[in-house]
Amino acid sequence: MTIAEILTGEKDNTEYKVDIPSKSENYMRTVVAYANANGGRLVFGVENNTWKVTGFSKEEVFQKMDAVTNAIYDSCEPKITPNIEVQEFDGRYIIVVDVPAGMQRPYCIKSQGVIEGVYLRVSGTTRKAAIYQIQEMTLSARNRSYDTEKTSRELTTDEIQAFCNRLYQHARELCVNEEAKSAIRQISISQLLSFRLVHEENGRYYAANGYQLLDGRLEDYPDAAIQCAVFKGTTRNIFITRKEFSGYIDEQVESAYAFVLEHINLGARIDGLARQDIYELPIRTIREMITNAVCHRSYLCPGKVQVALFDDRLEVTSPGMLDKDLTIEKMKAGISKIRNTAIARVFAYMNMIEAWGTGIPKIFQEAKDYGLREPELLDMGSDFRINLYRGTPMVDRYGVINPKSLTRQADD
């Protein structure tokens, strides 16, 4: 670290402390939170807020460094092995503790236990993890997804066949032409087993969580719904209308999509001699945003997918924190991590989603083609949100609109 780096002040993944607290739990929460996220850095010997280097004497610094090392080793479960260095500034010494991102999440403070002692880093602060977040970290560490976890519901072959038939029919309904319909093949029990939507044990079949969600059996998933609303202005103060959709999660997407189309402006453009209806927002992007929210949301996290239309934007909010390895920059670059692998495979079968990682780049490209302000991706800690900003359509007296003539809204 350079002096310039220290004086930049506290960041989301860096904390400064003037001395080592006598009670190790005062900083062990941060150590655990870093290990449960993308790693981070603790700097001892620097005043918080002023970033003044106070440091330690040469005689005491190594004793303090050993105290930090032993505290981390003794206090955390599983064991955390940080990289600890001593650096000199003007005859004084600081201790720099780099905590790596852990591979055995969730990490906790041993004395507090795995329920009370797990912490997360959210917007530069350390917070106690909720139960659902601990469950998600446990599944992720085992390379498993919640939608593939087995339930107690036993299935008959007739029930499974009816389920397959419904998915097949919905897939055909989403096809744009007869050629695409003919390319759709009936999904089978063997595919559901490979997707891990169905589990077979001793000749009996059991539903996974994803099967239940796709089958509309939502008694155990009260938040598996989409809330849609239109607001007056640019804040959530005044409702114009609102509606909630439940049932089969794939059909929830279609209902929410139709809701948005019903409440945005519809114009037209002239293509040769034909007049084509055209919406003020790119409809493929609208569908992509809603589909992604349903497919990639956390079904352990309390809260429903929200689709909100304001005067200046379409806002889609998906419950669940981003994976620790996924950042906004990576998403823009087309890197993705599937939270619900089985649901994603079914959505891909129905052509509701395409190749992994293409959704976000397409949203940005279509907004650009429409002449709209760049969409906004927001990591809200426990939720993820996409804002698609509306433009001001230029319409002639016949109601004709050209998407490339939409005036770009100025960035705020």
Protein backbone atom coordinates (compact mmCIF):
# COMPACT_ATOMS: atom_id res chain seq x y z
CA MET A 1 0.00 0.00 0.00
CA THR A 2 1.15 3.51 -0.76
CA ILE A 3 0.39 6.65 1.27
CA ALA A 4 -1.92 7.74 -1.54
CA GLU A 5 -3.90 4.49 -1.23
CA ILE A 6 -4.28 4.93 2.52
CA LEU A 7 -5.43 8.53 2.25
CA THR A 8 -8.22 7.64 -0.19
CA GLY A 9 -10.24 6.63 2.84
CA GLU A 10 -12.44 3.68 3.75
CA LYS A 11 -13.81 1.65 0.84
CA ASP A 12 -16.35 -1.16 0.66
CA ASN A 13 -13.62 -3.74 1.08
CA THR A 14 -11.20 -1.79 3.33
CA GLU A 15 -11.48 -0.74 6.97
CA TYR A 16 -9.07 1.33 9.07
CA LYS A 17 -8.58 1.15 12.82
CA VAL A 18 -6.25 3.26 14.93
CA ASP A 19 -5.44 0.33 17.24
CA ILE A 20 -6.24 -3.33 17.70
CA PRO A 21 -9.43 -3.60 19.80
CA SER A 22 -8.99 -5.37 23.12
CA LYS A 23 -12.05 -7.47 22.31
CA SER A 24 -11.30 -9.34 19.10
CA GLU A 25 -15.00 -9.71 18.16
CA ASN A 26 -15.02 -5.99 17.41
CA TYR A 27 -13.07 -6.66 14.23
CA MET A 28 -13.60 -10.41 13.79
CA ARG A 29 -17.09 -9.70 12.40
CA THR A 30 -15.42 -7.84 9.55
CA VAL A 31 -12.89 -10.62 8.98
CA VAL A 32 -15.71 -13.18 8.70
CA ALA A 33 -17.73 -10.88 6.44
CA TYR A 34 -14.76 -10.48 4.08
CA ALA A 35 -14.25 -14.25 3.91
CA ASN A 36 -17.96 -14.71 3.10
CA ALA A 37 -17.70 -12.19 0.26
CA ASN A 38 -14.90 -11.20 -2.11
CA GLY A 39 -12.24 -10.69 0.53
CA GLY A 40 -11.06 -7.41 1.99
CA ARG A 41 -8.45 -5.53 3.95
CA LEU A 42 -8.07 -4.34 7.55
CA VAL A 43 -5.44 -1.69 8.29
CA PHE A 44 -4.39 -1.14 11.91
CA GLY A 45 -2.53 2.03 12.84
CA VAL A 46 -4.56 4.50 10.76
CA GLU A 47 -7.23 6.82 12.16
CA ASN A 48 -10.67 6.22 10.75
CA ASN A 49 -12.23 9.19 8.89
CA THR A 50 -9.05 11.30 9.04
CA TRP A 51 -6.81 8.58 7.51
CA LYS A 52 -3.92 9.88 9.61
CA VAL A 53 -1.13 7.31 10.04
CA THR A 54 -0.54 6.93 13.79
CA GLY A 55 1.13 3.53 13.59
CA PHE A 56 2.95 1.50 16.18
CA SER A 57 6.50 1.47 17.47
CA LYS A 58 8.98 -1.11 16.22
CA GLU A 59 8.99 -2.73 19.66
CA GLU A 60 5.23 -3.36 19.79
CA VAL A 61 4.20 -3.92 16.17
CA PHE A 62 5.21 -7.57 15.88
CA GLN A 63 3.56 -8.44 19.18
CA LYS A 64 0.34 -6.84 17.91
CA MET A 65 0.65 -8.64 14.58
CA ASP A 66 0.93 -11.98 16.39
CA ALA A 67 -2.15 -11.09 18.45
CA VAL A 68 -4.17 -10.46 15.29
CA THR A 69 -2.94 -13.68 13.66
CA ASN A 70 -3.81 -15.78 16.71
CA ALA A 71 -7.21 -14.13 17.16
CA ILE A 72 -8.23 -14.84 13.56
CA TYR A 73 -6.98 -18.42 13.75
CA ASP A 74 -8.72 -19.12 17.08
CA SER A 75 -11.97 -17.22 16.50
CA CYS A 76 -13.14 -18.21 13.00
CA GLU A 77 -14.74 -21.39 11.71
CA PRO A 78 -13.76 -22.78 9.20
CA LYS A 79 -10.19 -21.55 9.61
CA ILE A 80 -9.27 -18.31 7.83
CA THR A 81 -5.68 -17.76 6.75
CA PRO A 82 -5.06 -14.06 6.07
CA ASN A 83 -1.95 -12.47 4.62
CA ILE A 84 -0.53 -10.10 7.28
CA GLU A 85 2.20 -7.57 6.57
CA VAL A 86 3.94 -4.79 8.44
CA GLN A 87 4.75 -1.57 6.60
CA GLU A 88 6.75 1.44 7.77
CA PHE A 89 5.73 5.08 7.40
CA ASP A 90 7.99 7.82 8.81
CA GLY A 91 9.35 5.65 11.58
CA ARG A 92 5.98 4.24 12.57
CA TYR A 93 4.56 0.86 11.55
CA ILE A 94 1.12 -0.20 10.37
CA ILE A 95 -0.36 -3.70 10.14
CA VAL A 96 -2.12 -4.65 6.89
CA VAL A 97 -4.38 -7.71 7.05
CA ASP A 98 -5.62 -9.06 3.69
CA VAL A 99 -8.47 -11.54 4.11
CA PRO A 100 -9.05 -13.74 1.04
CA ALA A 101 -12.46 -14.72 -0.30
CA GLY A 102 -13.29 -18.03 1.35
CA MET A 103 -13.94 -21.32 -0.40
CA GLN A 104 -15.80 -22.95 2.51
CA ARG A 105 -18.63 -20.52 3.15
CA PRO A 106 -20.36 -19.78 5.41
CA TYR A 107 -17.65 -18.59 7.80
CA CYS A 108 -18.64 -17.62 11.32
CA ILE A 109 -17.28 -16.45 14.66
CA LYS A 110 -16.83 -19.74 16.46
CA SER A 111 -18.08 -18.51 19.85
CA GLN A 112 -21.33 -17.23 18.32
CA GLY A 113 -22.10 -20.32 16.23
CA VAL A 114 -23.16 -20.83 12.63
CA ILE A 115 -26.57 -19.18 13.07
CA GLU A 116 -25.66 -16.03 15.03
CA GLY A 117 -22.01 -15.68 14.03
CA VAL A 118 -22.20 -15.38 10.23
CA TYR A 119 -21.65 -11.89 8.83
CA LEU A 120 -21.78 -10.31 5.38
CA ARG A 121 -20.39 -7.17 3.80
CA VAL A 122 -23.17 -4.96 2.39
CA SER A 123 -22.46 -1.50 0.93
CA GLY A 124 -19.31 -1.03 2.98
CA THR A 125 -20.87 -2.15 6.27
CA THR A 126 -20.75 -5.44 8.18
CA ARG A 127 -24.13 -7.02 8.88
CA LYS A 128 -25.33 -10.24 10.45
CA ALA A 129 -26.45 -12.72 7.80
CA ALA A 130 -30.08 -13.76 7.64
CA ILE A 131 -30.99 -17.45 7.78
CA TYR A 132 -31.80 -17.59 4.07
CA GLN A 133 -28.41 -16.06 3.24
CA ILE A 134 -26.66 -18.73 5.30
CA GLN A 135 -28.68 -21.40 3.46
CA GLU A 136 -27.69 -19.90 0.10
CA MET A 137 -24.01 -19.80 1.02
CA THR A 138 -24.16 -23.42 2.17
CA LEU A 139 -25.73 -24.55 -1.13
CA SER A 140 -23.30 -22.48 -3.19
CA ALA A 141 -20.30 -23.92 -1.34
CA ARG A 142 -21.54 -27.39 -2.28
CA ASN A 143 -22.12 -26.33 -5.89
CA ARG A 144 -25.86 -26.96 -5.54
CA SER A 145 -28.88 -24.82 -6.32
CA TYR A 146 -32.07 -24.53 -4.30
CA ASP A 147 -34.36 -25.38 -7.20
CA THR A 148 -32.75 -28.83 -7.57
CA GLU A 149 -33.20 -29.77 -3.90
CA LYS A 150 -35.57 -32.70 -3.34
CA THR A 151 -38.94 -32.17 -1.60
CA SER A 152 -41.16 -34.75 0.10
CA ARG A 153 -43.78 -34.66 -2.67
CA GLU A 154 -43.98 -38.03 -4.40
CA LEU A 155 -45.00 -37.92 -8.05
CA THR A 156 -46.87 -40.39 -10.20
CA THR A 157 -45.82 -40.99 -13.80
CA ASP A 158 -49.16 -39.50 -14.90
CA GLU A 159 -48.44 -36.30 -12.97
CA ILE A 160 -44.99 -36.06 -14.52
CA GLN A 161 -46.37 -36.64 -18.00
CA ALA A 162 -48.98 -33.92 -17.50
CA PHE A 163 -46.19 -31.60 -16.31
CA CYS A 164 -44.13 -32.40 -19.43
CA ASN A 165 -47.15 -31.80 -21.67
CA ARG A 166 -47.77 -28.38 -20.15
CA LEU A 167 -44.16 -27.30 -20.67
CA TYR A 168 -44.31 -28.56 -24.25
CA GLN A 169 -47.52 -26.68 -25.01
CA HIS A 170 -46.21 -23.47 -23.47
CA ALA A 171 -43.00 -23.80 -25.46
CA ARG A 172 -45.04 -24.08 -28.66
CA GLU A 173 -47.16 -21.05 -27.72
CA LEU A 174 -43.99 -18.98 -27.44
CA CYS A 175 -42.78 -19.92 -30.92
CA VAL A 176 -42.86 -17.14 -33.51
CA ASN A 177 -43.81 -19.35 -36.48
CA GLU A 178 -44.78 -22.86 -37.52
CA GLU A 179 -41.20 -23.79 -38.38
CA ALA A 180 -40.11 -23.03 -34.83
CA LYS A 181 -43.06 -25.02 -33.46
CA SER A 182 -42.08 -28.08 -35.45
CA ALA A 183 -38.57 -27.89 -34.00
CA ILE A 184 -39.85 -28.19 -30.41
CA ARG A 185 -39.56 -31.70 -29.03
CA GLN A 186 -41.62 -33.13 -26.19
CA ILE A 187 -39.72 -33.00 -22.93
CA SER A 188 -39.36 -36.33 -21.14
CA ILE A 189 -38.99 -37.76 -17.65
CA SER A 190 -35.35 -38.56 -18.39
CA GLN A 191 -34.70 -34.88 -19.15
CA LEU A 192 -36.38 -33.82 -15.92
CA LEU A 193 -34.13 -36.26 -14.08
CA SER A 194 -31.05 -34.86 -15.80
CA PHE A 195 -32.20 -31.31 -14.97
CA ARG A 196 -32.66 -32.51 -11.34
CA LEU A 197 -36.22 -31.25 -11.35
CA VAL A 198 -37.24 -34.80 -10.47
CA HIS A 199 -35.39 -37.23 -8.18
CA GLU A 200 -35.70 -41.01 -8.39
CA GLU A 201 -35.22 -43.12 -5.28
CA ASN A 202 -35.98 -46.84 -5.09
CA GLY A 203 -38.21 -46.66 -8.14
CA ARG A 204 -40.18 -43.68 -6.82
CA TYR A 205 -40.17 -40.13 -8.16
CA TYR A 206 -39.97 -36.98 -6.03
CA ALA A 207 -40.38 -33.33 -6.99
CA ALA A 208 -37.57 -30.81 -6.56
CA ASN A 209 -38.29 -27.22 -5.52
CA GLY A 210 -38.00 -26.11 -9.15
CA TYR A 211 -40.61 -28.65 -10.21
CA GLN A 212 -43.00 -27.29 -7.60
CA LEU A 213 -42.47 -23.73 -8.78
CA LEU A 214 -42.97 -24.64 -12.43
CA ASP A 215 -46.02 -26.71 -11.46
CA GLY A 216 -47.63 -23.78 -9.67
CA ARG A 217 -47.56 -25.53 -6.28
CA LEU A 218 -46.66 -22.42 -4.31
CA GLU A 219 -47.99 -23.25 -0.83
CA ASP A 220 -44.42 -23.54 0.46
CA TYR A 221 -43.21 -20.56 -1.60
CA PRO A 222 -45.46 -17.62 -0.63
CA ASP A 223 -43.14 -15.06 -2.23
CA ALA A 224 -42.93 -16.81 -5.61
CA ALA A 225 -44.99 -14.16 -7.37
CA ILE A 226 -44.59 -10.98 -9.41
CA GLN A 227 -45.94 -7.67 -8.18
CA CYS A 228 -46.63 -5.19 -10.98
CA ALA A 229 -47.48 -1.54 -10.55
CA VAL A 230 -47.71 1.75 -12.43
CA PHE A 231 -46.76 4.86 -10.46
CA LYS A 232 -47.45 8.50 -11.12
CA GLY A 233 -44.22 10.46 -11.45
CA THR A 234 -40.78 9.05 -10.69
CA THR A 235 -41.25 7.82 -7.09
CA ARG A 236 -43.35 5.18 -5.36
CA ASN A 237 -45.68 7.67 -3.73
CA ILE A 238 -48.84 7.41 -5.86
CA PHE A 239 -50.20 4.19 -7.40
CA ILE A 240 -52.09 4.41 -10.67
CA THR A 241 -52.72 0.66 -10.83
CA ARG A 242 -51.21 -2.54 -9.53
CA LYS A 243 -51.61 -6.28 -9.87
CA GLU A 244 -49.98 -9.46 -8.55
CA PHE A 245 -49.44 -12.63 -10.57
CA SER A 246 -48.95 -16.09 -9.11
CA GLY A 247 -49.23 -19.67 -10.35
CA TYR A 248 -46.81 -21.30 -12.80
CA ILE A 249 -43.68 -19.18 -12.72
CA ASP A 250 -43.20 -19.34 -16.51
CA GLU A 251 -46.72 -18.01 -17.01
CA GLN A 252 -46.11 -15.31 -14.41
CA VAL A 253 -43.52 -13.95 -16.84
CA GLU A 254 -46.08 -13.75 -19.65
CA SER A 255 -48.65 -12.03 -17.43
CA ALA A 256 -46.19 -9.43 -16.15
CA TYR A 257 -44.91 -8.84 -19.70
CA ALA A 258 -48.47 -8.24 -20.94
CA PHE A 259 -49.05 -5.86 -18.01
CA VAL A 260 -46.11 -3.69 -19.02
CA LEU A 261 -47.11 -3.62 -22.69
CA GLU A 262 -50.60 -2.55 -21.66
CA HIS A 263 -49.23 0.49 -19.81
CA ILE A 264 -46.53 1.84 -22.12
CA ASN A 265 -47.00 3.93 -25.25
CA LEU A 266 -47.74 2.21 -28.54
CA GLY A 267 -46.98 3.96 -31.80
CA ALA A 268 -46.10 2.77 -35.28
CA ARG A 269 -43.49 3.01 -37.98
CA ILE A 270 -43.68 2.71 -41.74
CA ASP A 271 -41.80 -0.21 -43.27
CA GLY A 272 -42.22 0.10 -47.05
CA LEU A 273 -45.97 0.30 -47.59
CA ALA A 274 -46.82 -1.43 -44.33
CA ARG A 275 -47.48 0.17 -40.99
CA GLN A 276 -46.02 -1.72 -38.02
CA ASP A 277 -47.00 -1.22 -34.41
CA ILE A 278 -44.05 -0.39 -32.22
CA TYR A 279 -43.78 0.20 -28.50
CA GLU A 280 -41.81 2.99 -26.88
CA LEU A 281 -39.51 0.44 -25.22
CA PRO A 282 -37.85 -2.59 -26.86
CA ILE A 283 -40.21 -5.47 -26.09
CA ARG A 284 -37.51 -8.16 -26.16
CA THR A 285 -35.70 -6.24 -23.44
CA ILE A 286 -38.87 -6.02 -21.34
CA ARG A 287 -39.35 -9.78 -21.56
CA GLU A 288 -35.65 -10.42 -20.87
CA MET A 289 -35.69 -8.29 -17.72
CA ILE A 290 -38.75 -10.05 -16.29
CA THR A 291 -37.58 -13.52 -17.30
CA ASN A 292 -34.16 -12.97 -15.76
CA ALA A 293 -35.74 -11.76 -12.52
CA VAL A 294 -37.89 -14.90 -12.20
CA CYS A 295 -35.17 -17.30 -13.35
CA HIS A 296 -32.29 -15.89 -11.31
CA ARG A 297 -34.04 -14.68 -8.16
CA SER A 298 -33.45 -16.34 -4.79
CA TYR A 299 -36.45 -18.43 -3.79
CA LEU A 300 -35.07 -18.57 -0.25
CA CYS A 301 -35.03 -14.79 0.06
CA PRO A 302 -38.25 -13.19 1.35
CA GLY A 303 -39.75 -10.78 -1.16
CA LYS A 304 -41.44 -10.93 -4.53
CA VAL A 305 -40.21 -9.92 -7.96
CA GLN A 306 -41.34 -6.34 -8.54
CA VAL A 307 -42.06 -4.78 -11.92
CA ALA A 308 -42.66 -1.05 -11.55
CA LEU A 309 -43.39 1.45 -14.30
CA PHE A 310 -42.65 5.13 -13.66
CA ASP A 311 -42.84 8.20 -15.90
CA ASP A 312 -39.12 7.92 -16.60
CA ARG A 313 -38.28 4.21 -16.32
CA LEU A 314 -39.22 0.55 -16.09
CA GLU A 315 -37.81 -0.93 -12.90
CA VAL A 316 -37.48 -4.70 -12.32
CA THR A 317 -36.30 -5.87 -8.91
CA SER A 318 -35.23 -9.44 -8.18
CA PRO A 319 -34.89 -10.73 -4.58
CA GLY A 320 -31.53 -12.15 -3.58
CA MET A 321 -27.95 -10.95 -3.22
CA LEU A 322 -25.55 -11.31 -6.12
CA ASP A 323 -23.14 -14.22 -6.05
CA LYS A 324 -19.84 -13.23 -4.44
CA ASP A 325 -17.99 -13.86 -7.71
CA LEU A 326 -20.39 -11.78 -9.80
CA THR A 327 -20.05 -8.01 -10.18
CA ILE A 328 -21.93 -5.40 -12.20
CA GLU A 329 -18.92 -5.04 -14.50
CA LYS A 330 -18.81 -8.77 -15.15
CA MET A 331 -22.52 -8.84 -15.93
CA LYS A 332 -22.12 -6.04 -18.46
CA ALA A 333 -19.34 -8.06 -20.07
CA GLY A 334 -21.65 -11.06 -20.48
CA ILE A 335 -20.43 -13.13 -17.55
CA SER A 336 -23.21 -14.80 -15.59
CA LYS A 337 -23.75 -17.38 -12.88
CA ILE A 338 -26.99 -19.32 -12.88
CA ARG A 339 -28.66 -19.33 -9.46
CA ASN A 340 -31.49 -21.75 -10.39
CA THR A 341 -29.93 -24.22 -12.80
CA ALA A 342 -32.98 -26.44 -13.32
CA ILE A 343 -35.40 -23.56 -13.91
CA ALA A 344 -32.89 -22.01 -16.31
CA ARG A 345 -32.76 -25.22 -18.35
CA VAL A 346 -36.54 -25.34 -18.64
CA PHE A 347 -36.67 -21.67 -19.63
CA ALA A 348 -34.01 -22.38 -22.26
CA TYR A 349 -36.08 -25.31 -23.55
CA MET A 350 -39.03 -22.94 -23.97
CA ASN A 351 -36.76 -20.31 -25.61
CA MET A 352 -37.54 -17.87 -22.83
CA ILE A 353 -33.81 -17.39 -22.34
CA GLU A 354 -30.96 -17.92 -24.76
CA ALA A 355 -27.26 -18.62 -24.24
CA TRP A 356 -25.99 -17.96 -20.72
CA GLY A 357 -24.67 -14.47 -20.18
CA THR A 358 -26.17 -12.85 -23.28
CA GLY A 359 -29.16 -11.23 -21.57
CA ILE A 360 -27.54 -8.16 -19.99
CA PRO A 361 -25.41 -7.22 -23.06
CA LYS A 362 -28.55 -7.52 -25.23
CA ILE A 363 -30.48 -5.23 -22.91
CA PHE A 364 -27.76 -2.59 -23.22
CA GLN A 365 -27.52 -2.97 -27.00
CA GLU A 366 -31.28 -2.76 -27.59
CA ALA A 367 -31.55 0.33 -25.39
CA LYS A 368 -28.77 1.92 -27.45
CA ASP A 369 -30.51 0.98 -30.72
CA TYR A 370 -33.67 2.62 -29.43
CA GLY A 371 -31.75 5.78 -28.59
CA LEU A 372 -32.44 5.39 -24.88
CA ARG A 373 -30.28 6.27 -21.93
CA GLU A 374 -28.00 3.42 -20.83
CA PRO A 375 -29.80 0.98 -18.51
CA GLU A 376 -28.79 0.91 -14.87
CA LEU A 377 -27.79 -2.19 -12.90
CA LEU A 378 -28.04 -1.84 -9.12
CA ASP A 379 -26.65 -4.22 -6.51
CA MET A 380 -28.84 -3.41 -3.51
CA GLY A 381 -27.29 -5.89 -1.12
CA SER A 382 -30.25 -8.23 -0.65
CA ASP A 383 -31.84 -7.41 -4.04
CA PHE A 384 -30.79 -6.77 -7.62
CA ARG A 385 -32.46 -4.17 -9.85
CA ILE A 386 -32.42 -3.19 -13.51
CA ASN A 387 -33.70 0.21 -14.64
CA LEU A 388 -34.66 0.66 -18.28
CA TYR A 389 -35.13 4.36 -18.93
CA ARG A 390 -37.93 5.66 -21.10
CA GLY A 391 -37.43 8.21 -23.84
CA THR A 392 -39.68 10.84 -25.40
CA PRO A 393 -41.04 9.41 -28.65
CA MET A 394 -41.29 11.74 -31.64
CA VAL A 395 -44.61 10.92 -33.26
CA ASP A 396 -46.11 12.49 -36.37
CA ARG A 397 -49.79 13.35 -36.78
CA TYR A 398 -50.49 9.83 -38.02
CA GLY A 399 -48.99 8.24 -34.91
CA VAL A 400 -45.90 7.03 -36.75
CA ILE A 401 -42.80 6.57 -34.62
CA ASN A 402 -39.29 5.47 -35.47
CA PRO A 403 -37.36 3.85 -32.62
CA LYS A 404 -34.11 5.48 -33.71
CA SER A 405 -35.76 8.90 -33.48
CA LEU A 406 -36.45 8.58 -29.75
CA THR A 407 -34.75 11.44 -27.98
CA ARG A 408 -32.14 10.29 -25.51
CA GLN A 409 -32.83 11.32 -21.95
CA ALA A 410 -30.00 13.18 -20.33
CA ASP A 411 -28.12 11.15 -17.75
CA ASP A 412 -28.81 12.35 -14.22
